[in-house]
Amino acid sequence: MATASTLSKRNHAIVIGGGIAGLLTARVLLNYFAQVTLIERDHYPEEPIFRPGVPQGRQGHTLLLKGQHIIESLFPGIHEKLIKHGAIEHDYGSQSFFYYGWGRAPRIESSLQGWNSSRLLLEWEIRQALLQYDRLQFLEGHEVIQLLFDQSINQVQGVRVRERNHSNPLENTGKDIKADLVIDASGSTSHAPEWLKELGFQEPAETEINTFLGYATRLYEPPADFQADWNIIAIQGIQNSKRGGVLMTIEGGKWMVILAGTQKDYPPTHNDADFLEFARSLPDPIIYDSIKNATPISSIHGYRRTANRIRHFERLKHFPDRFLVLGDAVCSFNPIYGQGMTVAALEAQVLDKSLKKDQQQKKGFSKHFQRKLARLLISPWLLAAVADAPSMEHPQPILRIPQWYMDRVIMLLPHDAYAFLTFSEVLHMLRSPVALLHPAILTKVLTN
């Protein structure tokens, strides 16, 4: 924790964006700054319900176990609060049903203990915890329109904001808010590249991998007499199938069903019968058999902004001091792999360590931070890229060997408990992907 003397040298920090990444960032900053202001375009709802600023909020989200552990360390007791509000205790080894193209994976006893909840409940619970800090101000219904910058010392010194006015956006004049650090966590629609260009810096290069995945989500009430020994079903159609699906038990015992298709083989969003037919077409019938007699309790909500995209801020030769970019504003992943929220939690850890090490945010702190962030993103980016390679129109040659190896690891999963446990630990970011090169796995990959 920060000391009083440290806080006195760090008066005010600003976070742009109040999603998961922004909320976790704000929590870390409270350890180091006397005041923190979080600027959010939306007005937060009083209950854990959908808000327009998170268009993917209605969709299924998985907080991987590494992310759960980090959030529990930032907000002690949040696990119990989530369970109190209906989240589901879950063993990812014995209470999950996985199908990976070559068959059903084994059910295993493991230490992969966590919870299931909707994104809406998780974000709401984090915000409730943050409301207890009187040094944190939520500036809702406002948007940042400009960075305040002192060119003589290459330093961002705050932001200009205006209240959002949907009828006449230009009617509101901006006001300036000074700060010792500004962090952009505003998501994939971040204006950071344009802001940098306005200040005379280069815009970052971007890398995108797009499999043209689309998915659709619907909530169901399970049949009254339905019994199952799973809380999660995940079907990944590998081989020749473009289709997959997930069924998650979330708060209140509801089922959240996500159907997905790559290469523009999008699931239907307007017709009940077509939605069920898409579920019936999956490589394994378990989701269809589960929901065919269940009661739909929501509309079908589609989502197609699913490309992997990374902005290479770390490659910029010049970068302003006291300005950082993180979360989806830097790197957004194909959401089907559930990495986004956990990577945001890992980025919060990097921020915490960086601020702890550099108490004064010396010259070059921001550039150094963006490079550390880029190193953190190597593993999740590679995993997503390798997983998406079979669905790419023109796979990058550099991905061929990792893709070949990963395909053969996945072929082991239906009949090799050790390979499946290791794969699950890597998937949940509890272990490095290097763990998949263990001799017990490598030998079978090379000899089968």
Protein backbone atom coordinates (compact mmCIF):
# COMPACT_ATOMS: atom_id res chain seq x y z
CA MET A 1 0.00 0.00 0.00
CA ALA A 2 1.09 3.58 -0.59
CA THR A 3 2.30 5.67 2.32
CA ALA A 4 1.07 9.14 3.18
CA SER A 5 4.31 10.65 1.87
CA THR A 6 3.91 8.82 -1.44
CA LEU A 7 0.32 10.00 -1.85
CA SER A 8 1.34 13.60 -1.20
CA LYS A 9 3.66 13.46 -4.23
CA ARG A 10 0.96 11.94 -6.42
CA ASN A 11 -2.08 14.11 -6.13
CA HIS A 12 -4.48 13.15 -8.90
CA ALA A 13 -4.89 10.41 -11.52
CA ILE A 14 -7.54 10.11 -14.23
CA VAL A 15 -8.92 6.90 -15.75
CA ILE A 16 -10.77 7.19 -19.06
CA GLY A 17 -13.37 4.44 -19.35
CA GLY A 18 -15.34 2.63 -16.67
CA GLY A 19 -15.49 -0.95 -17.91
CA ILE A 20 -13.68 -3.83 -16.23
CA ALA A 21 -10.22 -2.56 -17.25
CA GLY A 22 -10.98 0.96 -16.07
CA LEU A 23 -12.43 -0.19 -12.74
CA LEU A 24 -9.44 -2.42 -11.97
CA THR A 25 -7.08 0.39 -12.98
CA ALA A 26 -8.85 2.78 -10.63
CA ARG A 27 -8.44 0.32 -7.77
CA VAL A 28 -4.68 0.11 -8.32
CA LEU A 29 -4.33 3.89 -8.60
CA LEU A 30 -6.00 4.34 -5.21
CA ASN A 31 -2.85 2.79 -3.71
CA TYR A 32 -0.69 5.58 -5.10
CA PHE A 33 -2.72 8.76 -5.62
CA ALA A 34 -4.54 11.03 -3.19
CA GLN A 35 -7.46 11.41 -5.64
CA VAL A 36 -8.63 9.34 -8.61
CA THR A 37 -11.25 10.38 -11.16
CA LEU A 38 -12.88 7.81 -13.42
CA ILE A 39 -14.56 9.32 -16.49
CA GLU A 40 -17.31 7.18 -18.05
CA ARG A 41 -19.53 8.03 -21.03
CA ASP A 42 -22.46 6.07 -19.59
CA HIS A 43 -24.50 6.50 -16.47
CA TYR A 44 -24.12 3.33 -14.41
CA PRO A 45 -27.32 1.45 -13.62
CA GLU A 46 -28.26 0.88 -9.99
CA GLU A 47 -28.65 -2.85 -10.60
CA PRO A 48 -26.51 -5.35 -12.55
CA ILE A 49 -28.30 -4.80 -15.86
CA PHE A 50 -27.22 -3.97 -19.40
CA ARG A 51 -25.81 -0.54 -20.21
CA PRO A 52 -25.26 0.82 -23.75
CA GLY A 53 -21.56 1.59 -23.22
CA VAL A 54 -20.79 -2.13 -23.05
CA PRO A 55 -22.48 -3.46 -26.21
CA GLN A 56 -21.08 -6.93 -25.56
CA GLY A 57 -22.40 -6.90 -21.99
CA ARG A 58 -25.32 -9.18 -22.79
CA GLN A 59 -22.98 -11.79 -24.23
CA GLY A 60 -21.30 -14.63 -22.39
CA HIS A 61 -18.09 -13.77 -20.56
CA THR A 62 -15.64 -16.04 -18.81
CA LEU A 63 -13.34 -14.68 -16.15
CA LEU A 64 -10.47 -17.15 -16.24
CA LEU A 65 -9.13 -18.42 -12.93
CA LYS A 66 -6.02 -16.22 -13.05
CA GLY A 67 -8.30 -13.22 -13.42
CA GLN A 68 -10.49 -14.41 -10.56
CA HIS A 69 -7.45 -14.71 -8.29
CA ILE A 70 -6.22 -11.20 -9.15
CA ILE A 71 -9.63 -9.62 -8.63
CA GLU A 72 -9.99 -11.39 -5.29
CA SER A 73 -6.63 -9.92 -4.24
CA LEU A 74 -7.76 -6.42 -5.26
CA PHE A 75 -11.18 -6.79 -3.64
CA PRO A 76 -10.96 -9.21 -0.71
CA GLY A 77 -14.30 -10.90 -0.10
CA ILE A 78 -15.69 -10.29 -3.59
CA HIS A 79 -16.02 -14.04 -4.19
CA GLU A 80 -18.45 -14.36 -1.29
CA LYS A 81 -20.38 -11.28 -2.41
CA LEU A 82 -20.77 -12.65 -5.92
CA ILE A 83 -22.04 -15.96 -4.55
CA LYS A 84 -24.46 -14.06 -2.28
CA HIS A 85 -25.89 -12.35 -5.36
CA GLY A 86 -26.35 -15.63 -7.20
CA ALA A 87 -23.03 -16.48 -8.86
CA ILE A 88 -22.34 -20.21 -9.15
CA GLU A 89 -19.47 -22.04 -7.44
CA HIS A 90 -17.72 -24.08 -10.09
CA ASP A 91 -15.01 -26.71 -10.46
CA TYR A 92 -13.56 -26.28 -13.94
CA GLY A 93 -12.21 -29.83 -13.90
CA SER A 94 -15.12 -31.97 -12.73
CA GLN A 95 -18.14 -29.72 -13.44
CA SER A 96 -17.30 -28.74 -17.01
CA PHE A 97 -18.16 -30.52 -20.24
CA PHE A 98 -15.70 -29.86 -23.07
CA TYR A 99 -15.75 -31.07 -26.66
CA TYR A 100 -12.70 -30.25 -28.76
CA GLY A 101 -13.31 -31.56 -32.26
CA TRP A 102 -11.93 -35.05 -31.70
CA GLY A 103 -14.25 -35.99 -28.86
CA ARG A 104 -15.33 -35.24 -25.31
CA ALA A 105 -12.58 -34.34 -22.86
CA PRO A 106 -12.35 -36.34 -19.61
CA ARG A 107 -13.89 -35.11 -16.38
CA ILE A 108 -11.05 -34.68 -13.92
CA GLU A 109 -10.62 -33.95 -10.25
CA SER A 110 -8.62 -30.75 -10.01
CA SER A 111 -7.87 -27.63 -8.01
CA LEU A 112 -9.50 -25.46 -10.70
CA GLN A 113 -12.05 -23.94 -8.33
CA GLY A 114 -13.83 -20.69 -9.15
CA TRP A 115 -17.18 -19.17 -9.98
CA ASN A 116 -19.52 -18.42 -12.89
CA SER A 117 -21.42 -15.17 -13.27
CA SER A 118 -22.51 -12.79 -15.98
CA ARG A 119 -20.28 -9.88 -16.97
CA LEU A 120 -23.05 -7.57 -15.76
CA LEU A 121 -22.98 -8.93 -12.20
CA LEU A 122 -19.17 -8.92 -12.02
CA GLU A 123 -18.84 -5.30 -13.17
CA TRP A 124 -21.60 -4.20 -10.81
CA GLU A 125 -19.99 -5.97 -7.84
CA ILE A 126 -16.59 -4.41 -8.55
CA ARG A 127 -18.16 -0.98 -8.76
CA GLN A 128 -19.99 -1.49 -5.46
CA ALA A 129 -16.63 -2.22 -3.84
CA LEU A 130 -15.10 0.90 -5.37
CA LEU A 131 -17.93 3.12 -4.13
CA GLN A 132 -16.55 2.61 -0.63
CA TYR A 133 -13.50 4.77 -1.47
CA ASP A 134 -14.22 8.46 -0.92
CA ARG A 135 -10.98 9.35 -2.78
CA LEU A 136 -12.47 7.98 -6.01
CA GLN A 137 -14.84 10.18 -8.04
CA PHE A 138 -17.02 8.72 -10.79
CA LEU A 139 -17.65 11.35 -13.46
CA GLU A 140 -20.51 9.71 -15.35
CA GLY A 141 -22.10 10.89 -18.58
CA HIS A 142 -18.91 12.66 -19.72
CA GLU A 143 -16.44 12.05 -22.54
CA VAL A 144 -12.83 13.06 -23.02
CA ILE A 145 -12.31 15.18 -26.13
CA GLN A 146 -8.67 16.16 -25.78
CA LEU A 147 -5.48 15.58 -23.82
CA LEU A 148 -3.89 18.56 -22.07
CA PHE A 149 -0.24 18.60 -23.06
CA ASP A 150 2.84 20.63 -22.22
CA GLN A 151 5.15 20.23 -25.20
CA SER A 152 8.11 21.86 -23.48
CA ILE A 153 8.38 18.97 -21.02
CA ASN A 154 6.67 16.28 -23.18
CA GLN A 155 4.05 15.70 -20.50
CA VAL A 156 0.30 15.10 -20.48
CA GLN A 157 -1.18 17.20 -17.70
CA GLY A 158 -4.84 16.27 -17.77
CA VAL A 159 -7.85 16.06 -20.07
CA ARG A 160 -10.60 18.21 -21.49
CA VAL A 161 -14.06 16.69 -20.99
CA ARG A 162 -17.59 17.57 -21.92
CA GLU A 163 -20.94 16.29 -20.82
CA ARG A 164 -22.52 13.99 -23.35
CA ASN A 165 -25.47 15.58 -25.11
CA HIS A 166 -27.07 13.22 -27.62
CA SER A 167 -29.34 15.86 -29.15
CA ASN A 168 -26.55 18.37 -29.79
CA PRO A 169 -23.05 17.09 -28.90
CA LEU A 170 -21.35 20.37 -29.80
CA GLU A 171 -23.58 22.43 -27.52
CA ASN A 172 -21.56 21.59 -24.42
CA THR A 173 -18.27 23.38 -24.02
CA GLY A 174 -15.41 21.44 -22.53
CA LYS A 175 -13.80 21.85 -19.14
CA ASP A 176 -10.25 21.03 -18.16
CA ILE A 177 -9.27 18.57 -15.43
CA LYS A 178 -5.61 18.56 -14.40
CA ALA A 179 -3.89 15.33 -13.34
CA ASP A 180 -0.46 13.84 -12.61
CA LEU A 181 -1.28 10.72 -14.64
CA VAL A 182 -3.89 9.95 -17.31
CA ILE A 183 -4.72 6.35 -18.24
CA ASP A 184 -6.85 5.47 -21.25
CA ALA A 185 -8.88 2.30 -20.60
CA SER A 186 -11.76 3.29 -22.86
CA GLY A 187 -11.85 0.10 -24.91
CA SER A 188 -11.48 -0.80 -28.56
CA THR A 189 -13.05 2.50 -29.70
CA SER A 190 -10.34 4.47 -27.89
CA HIS A 191 -9.33 7.82 -29.41
CA ALA A 192 -5.75 7.51 -28.16
CA PRO A 193 -4.25 7.21 -31.69
CA GLU A 194 -6.03 10.40 -32.79
CA TRP A 195 -5.08 12.23 -29.59
CA LEU A 196 -1.43 11.32 -30.11
CA LYS A 197 -1.60 12.55 -33.70
CA GLU A 198 -3.10 15.85 -32.55
CA LEU A 199 -0.15 16.29 -30.19
CA GLY A 200 2.36 15.69 -32.98
CA PHE A 201 3.16 12.02 -32.28
CA GLN A 202 2.84 9.11 -34.66
CA GLU A 203 -0.21 6.89 -34.55
CA PRO A 204 0.58 3.31 -33.57
CA ALA A 205 0.66 0.56 -36.16
CA GLU A 206 -2.05 -2.07 -35.82
CA THR A 207 -2.11 -5.84 -36.34
CA GLU A 208 -5.46 -7.54 -36.91
CA ILE A 209 -6.47 -11.19 -37.21
CA ASN A 210 -10.09 -11.60 -38.21
CA THR A 211 -11.84 -14.94 -38.61
CA PHE A 212 -15.20 -13.21 -39.12
CA LEU A 213 -16.64 -14.90 -36.07
CA GLY A 214 -20.15 -13.99 -35.06
CA TYR A 215 -22.07 -15.18 -32.05
CA ALA A 216 -25.50 -14.92 -30.52
CA THR A 217 -26.52 -15.22 -26.89
CA ARG A 218 -29.81 -16.09 -25.23
CA LEU A 219 -30.89 -16.73 -21.65
CA TYR A 220 -32.95 -19.80 -20.75
CA GLU A 221 -34.79 -21.09 -17.71
CA PRO A 222 -33.86 -24.78 -17.37
CA PRO A 223 -36.69 -27.34 -17.33
CA ALA A 224 -37.99 -27.82 -13.79
CA ASP A 225 -36.97 -31.49 -13.67
CA PHE A 226 -33.60 -31.06 -15.40
CA GLN A 227 -30.57 -32.52 -13.65
CA ALA A 228 -26.95 -32.32 -14.77
CA ASP A 229 -23.49 -32.79 -13.34
CA TRP A 230 -22.06 -29.79 -15.20
CA ASN A 231 -22.21 -25.98 -14.91
CA ILE A 232 -20.45 -25.24 -18.18
CA ILE A 233 -20.57 -26.84 -21.63
CA ALA A 234 -18.07 -25.74 -24.28
CA ILE A 235 -18.09 -27.17 -27.80
CA GLN A 236 -15.30 -26.17 -30.14
CA GLY A 237 -15.76 -27.41 -33.67
CA ILE A 238 -12.23 -27.92 -34.97
CA GLN A 239 -11.78 -30.21 -38.01
CA ASN A 240 -14.29 -29.20 -40.71
CA SER A 241 -16.84 -27.48 -38.51
CA LYS A 242 -17.08 -23.70 -38.36
CA ARG A 243 -19.56 -23.86 -35.49
CA GLY A 244 -19.32 -24.03 -31.72
CA GLY A 245 -21.25 -23.16 -28.60
CA VAL A 246 -21.19 -22.59 -24.86
CA LEU A 247 -23.77 -23.09 -22.16
CA MET A 248 -23.01 -21.44 -18.80
CA THR A 249 -25.02 -21.65 -15.61
CA ILE A 250 -25.00 -18.12 -14.17
CA GLU A 251 -26.63 -16.25 -11.30
CA GLY A 252 -30.10 -17.43 -10.36
CA GLY A 253 -29.49 -20.81 -12.00
CA LYS A 254 -30.21 -19.35 -15.45
CA TRP A 255 -28.54 -20.74 -18.55
CA MET A 256 -26.61 -18.39 -20.81
CA VAL A 257 -26.32 -20.03 -24.23
CA ILE A 258 -23.83 -18.73 -26.79
CA LEU A 259 -23.79 -20.07 -30.36
CA ALA A 260 -20.91 -19.09 -32.64
CA GLY A 261 -19.75 -19.50 -36.21
CA THR A 262 -16.57 -18.45 -38.02
CA GLN A 263 -16.01 -17.30 -41.60
CA LYS A 264 -19.36 -15.47 -41.58
CA ASP A 265 -21.33 -18.62 -40.75
CA TYR A 266 -23.23 -16.50 -38.25
CA PRO A 267 -25.88 -17.93 -35.92
CA PRO A 268 -29.42 -16.59 -36.40
CA THR A 269 -30.67 -13.78 -34.16
CA HIS A 270 -34.34 -13.35 -35.14
CA ASN A 271 -35.98 -16.75 -35.25
CA ASP A 272 -36.40 -19.17 -32.33
CA ALA A 273 -36.56 -22.28 -34.52
CA ASP A 274 -33.45 -21.28 -36.49
CA PHE A 275 -31.53 -20.65 -33.25
CA LEU A 276 -32.39 -24.14 -32.04
CA GLU A 277 -31.53 -25.64 -35.42
CA PHE A 278 -28.09 -24.01 -35.28
CA ALA A 279 -27.59 -25.55 -31.83
CA ARG A 280 -28.62 -28.94 -33.25
CA SER A 281 -25.97 -28.62 -35.97
CA LEU A 282 -23.05 -28.43 -33.51
CA PRO A 283 -20.54 -31.31 -33.52
CA ASP A 284 -21.92 -32.59 -30.19
CA PRO A 285 -25.67 -32.65 -29.40
CA ILE A 286 -25.47 -31.84 -25.67
CA ILE A 287 -26.36 -28.13 -25.89
CA TYR A 288 -29.32 -28.80 -28.19
CA ASP A 289 -30.56 -31.68 -26.03
CA SER A 290 -30.34 -29.42 -22.96
CA ILE A 291 -32.18 -26.37 -24.34
CA LYS A 292 -34.77 -27.91 -26.66
CA ASN A 293 -37.27 -28.13 -23.79
CA ALA A 294 -35.97 -25.11 -21.84
CA THR A 295 -37.83 -21.78 -21.69
CA PRO A 296 -36.26 -18.76 -23.43
CA ILE A 297 -36.31 -15.74 -21.07
CA SER A 298 -34.54 -13.17 -23.27
CA SER A 299 -34.24 -12.04 -26.83
CA ILE A 300 -31.37 -13.32 -28.98
CA HIS A 301 -28.50 -10.82 -28.99
CA GLY A 302 -25.88 -11.02 -31.72
CA TYR A 303 -22.33 -9.68 -31.77
CA ARG A 304 -19.78 -9.62 -34.61
CA ARG A 305 -16.96 -7.26 -33.58
CA THR A 306 -14.67 -10.16 -32.78
CA ALA A 307 -11.33 -9.59 -34.50
CA ASN A 308 -8.07 -9.89 -32.60
CA ARG A 309 -6.50 -6.44 -32.80
CA ILE A 310 -3.38 -5.01 -31.20
CA ARG A 311 -2.12 -1.42 -31.34
CA HIS A 312 1.65 -1.25 -31.10
CA PHE A 313 2.15 1.72 -28.81
CA GLU A 314 5.38 0.07 -27.63
CA ARG A 315 6.95 0.58 -31.07
CA LEU A 316 6.54 4.35 -31.07
CA LYS A 317 9.90 6.12 -30.95
CA HIS A 318 8.39 9.04 -29.06
CA PHE A 319 5.61 8.86 -26.49
CA PRO A 320 4.24 11.49 -24.07
CA ASP A 321 5.05 11.16 -20.38
CA ARG A 322 2.29 10.68 -17.79
CA PHE A 323 -0.06 9.04 -20.29
CA LEU A 324 -0.72 5.29 -20.45
CA VAL A 325 -2.97 3.10 -22.58
CA LEU A 326 -4.20 -0.35 -21.55
CA GLY A 327 -7.10 -2.80 -21.85
CA ASP A 328 -8.90 -3.18 -25.16
CA ALA A 329 -7.58 0.26 -26.13
CA VAL A 330 -4.28 -1.58 -26.71
CA CYS A 331 -5.30 -5.15 -27.43
CA SER A 332 -8.69 -6.77 -27.95
CA PHE A 333 -9.09 -10.51 -28.41
CA ASN A 334 -11.52 -12.77 -30.18
CA PRO A 335 -13.95 -13.04 -27.23
CA ILE A 336 -14.64 -16.72 -27.81
CA TYR A 337 -11.45 -17.53 -25.87
CA GLY A 338 -12.45 -15.57 -22.77
CA GLN A 339 -9.11 -13.80 -22.36
CA GLY A 340 -10.16 -10.13 -22.26
CA MET A 341 -11.13 -9.58 -18.62
CA THR A 342 -8.26 -11.70 -17.31
CA VAL A 343 -5.72 -9.82 -19.43
CA ALA A 344 -7.16 -6.58 -18.02
CA ALA A 345 -6.53 -7.94 -14.52
CA LEU A 346 -2.95 -8.89 -15.45
CA GLU A 347 -2.42 -5.39 -16.85
CA ALA A 348 -3.61 -3.95 -13.54
CA GLN A 349 -0.89 -6.02 -11.87
CA VAL A 350 1.73 -4.63 -14.26
CA LEU A 351 0.54 -1.10 -13.45
CA ASP A 352 0.76 -1.80 -9.73
CA LYS A 353 4.33 -3.10 -9.99
CA SER A 354 5.38 -0.23 -12.25
CA LEU A 355 4.03 2.47 -9.93
CA LYS A 356 5.54 0.74 -6.91
CA LYS A 357 8.95 0.63 -8.58
CA ASP A 358 8.94 4.18 -9.95
CA GLN A 359 7.55 6.41 -7.24
CA GLN A 360 8.10 9.61 -9.23
CA GLN A 361 7.10 8.44 -12.74
CA LYS A 362 10.45 9.57 -14.06
CA LYS A 363 10.99 10.66 -17.64
CA GLY A 364 10.30 7.73 -19.96
CA PHE A 365 8.02 5.94 -17.47
CA SER A 366 5.12 5.82 -19.94
CA LYS A 367 7.18 4.41 -22.81
CA HIS A 368 8.69 1.81 -20.50
CA PHE A 369 5.22 0.82 -19.25
CA GLN A 370 3.85 0.32 -22.78
CA ARG A 371 6.81 -1.96 -23.54
CA LYS A 372 6.18 -4.03 -20.41
CA LEU A 373 2.53 -4.27 -21.39
CA ALA A 374 3.51 -5.49 -24.86
CA ARG A 375 5.62 -8.27 -23.31
CA LEU A 376 2.68 -9.34 -21.16
CA LEU A 377 0.47 -9.58 -24.26
CA ILE A 378 2.77 -11.92 -26.19
CA SER A 379 1.39 -15.18 -24.74
CA PRO A 380 -2.36 -14.44 -24.90
CA TRP A 381 -1.97 -12.92 -28.37
CA LEU A 382 -0.08 -15.97 -29.62
CA LEU A 383 -2.66 -18.36 -28.14
CA ALA A 384 -5.51 -16.48 -29.84
CA ALA A 385 -3.63 -16.23 -33.14
CA VAL A 386 -2.76 -19.94 -33.15
CA ALA A 387 -6.33 -20.92 -32.26
CA ASP A 388 -7.73 -18.71 -35.02
CA ALA A 389 -5.21 -19.73 -37.69
CA PRO A 390 -7.37 -22.57 -39.15
CA SER A 391 -10.19 -20.09 -39.79
CA MET A 392 -8.01 -17.43 -41.43
CA GLU A 393 -8.17 -16.96 -45.18
CA HIS A 394 -4.40 -16.43 -45.33
CA PRO A 395 -2.72 -17.82 -42.19
CA GLN A 396 0.63 -16.27 -41.36
CA PRO A 397 3.49 -18.69 -42.09
CA ILE A 398 4.97 -18.07 -38.65
CA LEU A 399 1.86 -19.68 -37.10
CA ARG A 400 2.10 -22.99 -38.99
CA ILE A 401 4.35 -24.87 -36.57
CA PRO A 402 2.57 -23.68 -33.37
CA GLN A 403 -0.76 -24.47 -35.04
CA TRP A 404 0.42 -27.95 -36.03
CA TYR A 405 1.55 -28.61 -32.47
CA MET A 406 -1.62 -27.21 -30.86
CA ASP A 407 -3.82 -29.31 -33.15
CA ARG A 408 -2.06 -32.44 -31.95
CA VAL A 409 -2.26 -31.41 -28.31
CA ILE A 410 -6.01 -30.98 -28.71
CA MET A 411 -6.21 -34.42 -30.33
CA LEU A 412 -4.85 -35.83 -27.05
CA LEU A 413 -7.46 -34.17 -24.83
CA PRO A 414 -10.32 -36.70 -25.13
CA HIS A 415 -8.19 -39.57 -23.82
CA ASP A 416 -5.30 -38.01 -21.84
CA ALA A 417 -6.19 -36.57 -18.45
CA TYR A 418 -2.74 -35.09 -17.85
CA ALA A 419 -2.74 -33.29 -21.20
CA PHE A 420 -6.26 -32.00 -20.52
CA LEU A 421 -5.34 -30.72 -17.03
CA THR A 422 -2.24 -28.97 -18.37
CA PHE A 423 -4.20 -27.52 -21.27
CA SER A 424 -6.86 -26.24 -18.84
CA GLU A 425 -4.23 -24.62 -16.60
CA VAL A 426 -2.70 -22.87 -19.62
CA LEU A 427 -6.15 -21.83 -20.83
CA HIS A 428 -6.85 -20.24 -17.43
CA MET A 429 -3.44 -18.49 -17.55
CA LEU A 430 -2.30 -20.30 -14.41
CA ARG A 431 0.68 -21.71 -16.33
CA SER A 432 2.76 -20.60 -19.29
CA PRO A 433 2.05 -22.16 -22.70
CA VAL A 434 5.54 -23.67 -22.33
CA ALA A 435 3.89 -26.21 -20.00
CA LEU A 436 2.41 -27.84 -23.12
CA LEU A 437 5.96 -28.83 -24.09
CA HIS A 438 6.30 -31.09 -21.06
CA PRO A 439 7.91 -34.41 -22.12
CA ALA A 440 4.75 -36.33 -21.16
CA ILE A 441 2.86 -34.30 -23.77
CA LEU A 442 5.63 -33.63 -26.30
CA THR A 443 6.45 -37.33 -26.67
CA LYS A 444 2.84 -38.23 -27.47
CA VAL A 445 2.48 -35.33 -29.92
CA LEU A 446 5.58 -36.43 -31.84
CA THR A 447 4.82 -40.16 -31.84
CA ASN A 448 1.05 -40.28 -32.45
